[in-house]
Amino acid sequence: PLNVALSPALYERVRRAAAEADIPLADLDPLRPWAVAMALDAATLPPEEGEGDALALAGADMVIETSLPVGRRREALDTPRLLETAFASLSQAAPGEGQGLLGEILDDLPGRTLDLTTQIAWADGDTAPMIAELDQLRTDAPVLYAAMFDARNRAWMEALTRMMRTERRVVVVVGAGHMIGDAGLPTLLRQAGFTVEGP
């Protein structure tokens, strides 16, 4: 249980944050620290202010998905089997994994505002903030990072390779975290023999 995995001081911070977010502590107690961090992060996103922020929170995938004409072919890279495998590997994470991530989320909660600094930098071609965030995640929760990024990227390559070789033009929308590093999609596509422009 969470009160065993965490120090008393960190557990007390989680208890207070859960109360402020109106999350029953009993819902968090069976979760691992990284999962608690993600739950608190999602539950405490600041209110959307204006259409621009709403679109930013929705993500490019949802914006494009809702704008596609009826009948346009689409395909999900995450299959049910792949997601099941990812969550199975997450269950192997050590009970204490993600405590650093949880602490960072808790530090960020007071007076939280919508911060798109990393996203704006990415849109301007500056990858350094995104790389720093992912490096921190890899340090704080290595199993989470491997399951959500490295493993999924490699699993997606079969579908991406087929699309690239059989379709005239393909638009693929993934999170920016999948575009960076030795196991990022640009690197894997280059290794597969494709010419890639970008990060």
Protein backbone atom coordinates (compact mmCIF):
# COMPACT_ATOMS: atom_id res chain seq x y z
CA PRO A 1 0.00 0.00 0.00
CA LEU A 2 1.00 3.58 -0.62
CA ASN A 3 1.52 4.40 3.06
CA VAL A 4 4.15 1.65 3.17
CA ALA A 5 5.83 2.53 -0.13
CA LEU A 6 6.15 6.22 0.77
CA SER A 7 7.77 8.00 3.67
CA PRO A 8 5.27 9.37 6.22
CA ALA A 9 6.02 12.93 5.10
CA LEU A 10 5.46 12.17 1.40
CA TYR A 11 2.32 10.17 2.18
CA GLU A 12 0.93 13.11 4.15
CA ARG A 13 1.57 15.39 1.15
CA VAL A 14 -0.34 12.94 -1.06
CA ARG A 15 -3.20 12.84 1.45
CA ARG A 16 -3.51 16.64 1.43
CA ALA A 17 -3.26 16.85 -2.36
CA ALA A 18 -5.90 14.14 -2.79
CA ALA A 19 -8.26 15.97 -0.43
CA GLU A 20 -7.80 19.24 -2.31
CA ALA A 21 -8.41 17.47 -5.63
CA ASP A 22 -11.48 15.69 -4.17
CA ILE A 23 -9.94 12.25 -4.81
CA PRO A 24 -10.73 9.58 -2.18
CA LEU A 25 -7.43 8.48 -0.65
CA ALA A 26 -8.66 4.89 -0.83
CA ASP A 27 -8.57 5.20 -4.64
CA LEU A 28 -4.86 6.06 -4.53
CA ASP A 29 -3.69 3.67 -1.80
CA PRO A 30 -3.36 0.58 -4.06
CA LEU A 31 -1.47 2.51 -6.77
CA ARG A 32 2.26 2.72 -7.27
CA PRO A 33 3.90 6.13 -6.78
CA TRP A 34 4.23 6.84 -10.52
CA ALA A 35 0.53 6.09 -11.02
CA VAL A 36 -0.41 8.37 -8.12
CA ALA A 37 1.71 11.11 -9.70
CA MET A 38 -0.14 10.72 -13.00
CA ALA A 39 -3.54 10.65 -11.29
CA LEU A 40 -2.85 13.83 -9.31
CA ASP A 41 -1.37 15.51 -12.37
CA ALA A 42 -4.46 14.77 -14.46
CA ALA A 43 -6.92 15.69 -11.68
CA THR A 44 -5.34 19.07 -11.01
CA LEU A 45 -4.93 20.48 -14.51
CA PRO A 46 -5.81 24.17 -14.38
CA PRO A 47 -9.11 25.31 -15.91
CA GLU A 48 -9.07 25.94 -19.62
CA GLU A 49 -9.17 29.59 -20.54
CA GLY A 50 -10.21 30.21 -24.12
CA GLU A 51 -10.24 28.08 -27.22
CA GLY A 52 -6.47 28.16 -27.68
CA ASP A 53 -5.83 26.52 -24.33
CA ALA A 54 -8.57 23.98 -24.91
CA LEU A 55 -6.97 22.94 -28.19
CA ALA A 56 -3.57 22.76 -26.55
CA LEU A 57 -4.92 20.45 -23.86
CA ALA A 58 -6.78 18.34 -26.41
CA GLY A 59 -3.58 17.56 -28.29
CA ALA A 60 -2.87 17.55 -32.00
CA ASP A 61 -4.17 14.00 -32.35
CA MET A 62 -7.66 14.95 -31.19
CA VAL A 63 -7.71 18.15 -33.24
CA ILE A 64 -6.78 16.27 -36.43
CA GLU A 65 -9.05 13.33 -35.64
CA THR A 66 -12.10 15.55 -35.27
CA SER A 67 -11.31 17.43 -38.48
CA LEU A 68 -11.01 14.39 -40.78
CA PRO A 69 -13.78 13.97 -43.36
CA VAL A 70 -16.13 11.03 -42.96
CA GLY A 71 -14.72 7.92 -44.59
CA ARG A 72 -11.06 8.93 -44.42
CA ARG A 73 -9.04 5.84 -43.52
CA ARG A 74 -7.43 5.93 -40.10
CA GLU A 75 -5.47 3.43 -38.06
CA ALA A 76 -4.41 3.33 -34.42
CA LEU A 77 -0.78 2.45 -33.70
CA ASP A 78 -1.68 1.29 -30.19
CA THR A 79 -3.43 -2.05 -30.53
CA PRO A 80 -5.28 -3.60 -27.56
CA ARG A 81 -2.56 -6.26 -27.32
CA LEU A 82 0.20 -3.64 -27.26
CA LEU A 83 -1.53 -1.67 -24.51
CA GLU A 84 -2.05 -4.85 -22.51
CA THR A 85 1.66 -5.64 -22.84
CA ALA A 86 2.61 -2.10 -21.78
CA PHE A 87 0.48 -2.24 -18.66
CA ALA A 88 1.75 -5.74 -17.83
CA SER A 89 5.33 -4.47 -17.93
CA LEU A 90 4.36 -1.51 -15.73
CA SER A 91 3.24 -3.98 -13.07
CA GLN A 92 6.88 -5.06 -12.79
CA ALA A 93 7.97 -1.61 -11.60
CA ALA A 94 9.47 -1.50 -8.14
CA PRO A 95 7.02 -0.20 -5.50
CA GLY A 96 9.16 2.89 -4.94
CA GLU A 97 9.63 3.77 -8.61
CA GLY A 98 8.33 7.19 -9.42
CA GLN A 99 8.73 8.74 -5.97
CA GLY A 100 10.84 11.50 -7.52
CA LEU A 101 8.15 12.07 -10.14
CA LEU A 102 5.48 12.15 -7.42
CA GLY A 103 7.48 14.69 -5.43
CA GLU A 104 7.85 16.92 -8.49
CA ILE A 105 4.10 16.81 -9.16
CA LEU A 106 3.35 17.66 -5.54
CA ASP A 107 5.85 20.54 -5.65
CA ASP A 108 4.11 21.89 -8.74
CA LEU A 109 0.54 21.79 -7.42
CA PRO A 110 0.32 25.00 -5.32
CA GLY A 111 -0.80 27.89 -7.51
CA ARG A 112 -0.60 25.71 -10.59
CA THR A 113 -1.17 27.42 -13.92
CA LEU A 114 -1.26 26.20 -17.49
CA ASP A 115 2.38 26.10 -18.59
CA LEU A 116 3.04 25.50 -22.28
CA THR A 117 6.70 26.51 -22.18
CA THR A 118 7.94 23.10 -23.31
CA GLN A 119 5.30 22.83 -26.05
CA ILE A 120 6.07 26.32 -27.37
CA ALA A 121 9.80 25.55 -27.41
CA TRP A 122 9.10 22.33 -29.31
CA ALA A 123 6.98 24.17 -31.87
CA ASP A 124 9.87 26.62 -32.34
CA GLY A 125 12.30 23.77 -32.99
CA ASP A 126 13.94 23.87 -29.55
CA THR A 127 14.05 20.26 -28.32
CA ALA A 128 16.12 20.91 -25.16
CA PRO A 129 13.18 21.39 -22.69
CA MET A 130 11.43 18.25 -23.97
CA ILE A 131 14.64 16.24 -23.72
CA ALA A 132 15.17 17.50 -20.16
CA GLU A 133 11.63 16.49 -19.14
CA LEU A 134 11.99 13.02 -20.61
CA ASP A 135 15.43 12.52 -19.08
CA GLN A 136 13.94 13.39 -15.69
CA LEU A 137 11.08 10.93 -16.24
CA ARG A 138 13.56 8.22 -17.25
CA THR A 139 15.48 8.87 -14.00
CA ASP A 140 12.42 9.00 -11.75
CA ALA A 141 10.47 6.12 -13.33
CA PRO A 142 12.60 4.00 -15.68
CA VAL A 143 10.09 1.17 -16.08
CA LEU A 144 7.30 3.64 -16.86
CA TYR A 145 9.52 5.39 -19.40
CA ALA A 146 10.55 2.14 -21.09
CA ALA A 147 6.98 0.84 -21.31
CA MET A 148 5.33 4.06 -22.47
CA PHE A 149 8.02 5.23 -24.91
CA ASP A 150 10.77 2.78 -25.91
CA ALA A 151 8.66 -0.38 -26.11
CA ARG A 152 5.74 1.29 -27.86
CA ASN A 153 8.00 3.01 -30.41
CA ARG A 154 9.57 -0.31 -31.38
CA ALA A 155 6.17 -2.00 -31.55
CA TRP A 156 4.80 0.79 -33.78
CA MET A 157 7.61 0.33 -36.31
CA GLU A 158 5.95 -2.68 -37.98
CA ALA A 159 2.85 -0.64 -38.81
CA LEU A 160 4.85 2.46 -39.74
CA THR A 161 7.13 0.52 -42.07
CA ARG A 162 4.13 -1.06 -43.80
CA MET A 163 2.43 2.32 -44.20
CA MET A 164 5.54 3.98 -45.56
CA ARG A 165 6.01 1.25 -48.15
CA THR A 166 2.41 0.82 -49.30
CA GLU A 167 0.72 4.23 -49.02
CA ARG A 168 1.26 7.29 -51.21
CA ARG A 169 1.13 9.67 -48.26
CA VAL A 170 0.67 9.04 -44.56
CA VAL A 171 0.10 11.46 -41.70
CA VAL A 172 1.12 9.97 -38.36
CA VAL A 173 0.37 11.85 -35.14
CA VAL A 174 2.25 10.89 -31.98
CA GLY A 175 3.30 12.71 -28.84
CA ALA A 176 6.54 14.67 -28.97
CA GLY A 177 8.10 12.31 -26.44
CA HIS A 178 8.10 9.61 -29.11
CA MET A 179 10.27 11.74 -31.40
CA ILE A 180 13.36 12.01 -29.20
CA GLY A 181 16.30 9.81 -28.26
CA ASP A 182 17.96 6.60 -29.38
CA ALA A 183 14.62 4.78 -29.37
CA GLY A 184 12.65 7.71 -30.82
CA LEU A 185 10.73 7.18 -34.03
CA PRO A 186 13.03 9.35 -36.21
CA THR A 187 16.03 7.27 -35.10
CA LEU A 188 14.21 3.98 -35.65
CA LEU A 189 12.99 5.09 -39.09
CA ARG A 190 16.53 6.07 -40.09
CA GLN A 191 17.78 2.68 -38.91
CA ALA A 192 15.10 1.07 -41.10
CA GLY A 193 16.51 2.85 -44.14
CA PHE A 194 14.14 5.82 -44.44
CA THR A 195 15.29 9.41 -45.00
CA VAL A 196 14.10 11.53 -42.08
CA GLU A 197 14.12 15.29 -41.66
CA GLY A 198 13.63 16.68 -38.19
CA PRO A 199 14.76 15.87 -34.66
